[in-house]
Protein backbone atom coordinates (compact mmCIF):
# COMPACT_ATOMS: atom_id res chain seq x y z
CA PHE A 1 58.59 160.51 -51.99
CA ASN A 2 57.47 160.43 -55.58
CA HIS A 3 58.41 156.84 -56.20
CA ARG A 4 56.22 154.97 -53.69
CA ARG A 5 54.40 153.02 -56.43
CA GLU A 6 55.84 151.51 -59.49
CA ASP A 7 53.28 153.11 -61.82
CA ASP A 8 54.03 156.70 -60.63
CA CYS A 9 56.14 158.77 -62.91
CA SER A 10 56.56 162.54 -63.45
CA ALA A 11 56.39 164.58 -66.52
CA ILE A 12 60.10 165.14 -66.22
CA GLU A 13 60.77 161.37 -66.08
CA CYS A 14 58.50 160.80 -69.14
CA TYR A 15 60.34 163.61 -71.05
CA MET A 16 63.69 162.17 -70.12
CA LYS A 17 62.79 158.69 -71.31
CA GLN A 18 61.03 159.89 -74.53
CA TYR A 19 63.90 162.23 -75.64
CA GLY A 20 66.90 160.63 -73.93
CA VAL A 21 67.94 163.63 -72.09
CA THR A 22 69.20 164.32 -68.55
CA ALA A 23 66.97 165.56 -65.70
CA GLN A 24 68.52 169.09 -65.97
CA GLU A 25 67.89 169.27 -69.68
CA ALA A 26 64.29 168.27 -69.10
CA TYR A 27 63.87 170.87 -66.32
CA ASN A 28 65.34 173.54 -68.67
CA GLU A 29 62.98 172.63 -71.43
CA PHE A 30 59.96 172.71 -69.08
CA ASN A 31 61.05 176.06 -67.70
CA LYS A 32 61.28 177.48 -71.27
CA HIS A 33 57.67 176.39 -71.73
CA ILE A 34 56.57 177.86 -68.48
CA GLU A 35 58.17 181.21 -69.27
CA SER A 36 56.58 181.25 -72.71
CA SER A 37 53.13 180.44 -71.13
CA TRP A 38 53.53 183.23 -68.65
CA LYS A 39 54.21 185.65 -71.57
CA ASP A 40 51.01 184.42 -73.30
CA VAL A 41 48.87 184.73 -70.19
CA ASN A 42 50.12 188.28 -69.44
CA GLU A 43 49.69 189.32 -73.10
CA GLU A 44 46.14 187.94 -73.29
CA PHE A 45 45.20 189.41 -69.93
CA LEU A 46 45.81 192.94 -71.37
CA LYS A 47 43.52 192.41 -74.33
CA PRO A 48 39.87 193.51 -74.07
CA THR A 49 37.42 190.63 -73.43
CA GLU A 50 33.77 190.06 -72.55
CA MET A 51 34.82 188.10 -69.50
CA PRO A 52 34.57 190.21 -66.27
CA THR A 53 38.00 191.27 -64.97
CA PRO A 54 37.37 189.94 -61.42
CA VAL A 55 36.84 186.41 -62.98
CA LEU A 56 40.08 186.80 -64.96
CA CYS A 57 41.99 188.07 -61.86
CA ARG A 58 40.92 184.98 -59.88
CA SER A 59 42.24 182.66 -62.60
CA LEU A 60 45.45 184.65 -62.88
CA ASN A 61 45.89 184.66 -59.15
CA LEU A 62 45.48 180.85 -58.98
CA ALA A 63 48.18 180.45 -61.66
CA ARG A 64 50.48 182.79 -59.63
CA VAL A 65 49.94 180.67 -56.48
CA MET A 66 50.67 177.49 -58.38
CA ASP A 67 53.80 178.99 -59.82
CA VAL A 68 55.00 180.02 -56.37
CA LEU A 69 54.25 176.73 -54.78
CA TYR A 70 55.70 174.48 -57.46
CA ARG A 71 58.50 176.56 -58.98
CA GLU A 72 61.16 174.99 -56.77
CA GLY A 73 59.60 171.47 -56.27
CA ASP A 74 56.53 170.53 -54.39
CA GLY A 75 56.02 173.52 -52.10
CA TYR A 76 52.52 172.42 -51.17
CA THR A 77 53.40 169.02 -49.75
CA HIS A 78 56.87 169.95 -48.60
CA VAL A 79 56.65 173.54 -47.48
CA GLY A 80 59.95 175.16 -47.68
CA LYS A 81 61.50 178.53 -46.64
CA ALA A 82 60.38 180.23 -49.80
CA ALA A 83 56.65 179.37 -49.38
CA LYS A 84 56.78 180.15 -45.63
CA GLY A 85 58.56 183.49 -46.21
CA GLY A 86 56.11 184.47 -48.89
CA ILE A 87 53.11 183.63 -46.77
CA THR A 88 54.60 185.39 -43.74
CA SER A 89 55.39 188.57 -45.61
CA LEU A 90 51.94 188.54 -47.27
CA LEU A 91 49.69 187.71 -44.35
CA ILE A 92 51.64 188.17 -41.06
CA ASP A 93 54.04 190.96 -41.69
CA PRO A 94 52.52 192.96 -44.58
CA ILE A 95 54.13 196.20 -45.90
CA GLN A 96 52.25 199.12 -44.55
CA ILE A 97 50.99 201.59 -47.26
């Protein structure tokens, strides 16, 4: 799917070519960066700021959605069980409080 055009390449492929590593090594490295970024986001979110909290929450929620959709591949284009299950449990069968 990703290789329909010759000029298409992913960040993983670029990293593999630049550093001469396998796809799994590239994925592991990207996952380390993602984990570190989440720690930074969460730490910064707890600090006082002049930005209204509702604005920050929207940005944080967008990042959360992107993480859910793209953590295990392209969950937006190719919706899998994880995305369907999350949407179902959130919107169709929510937990009663």
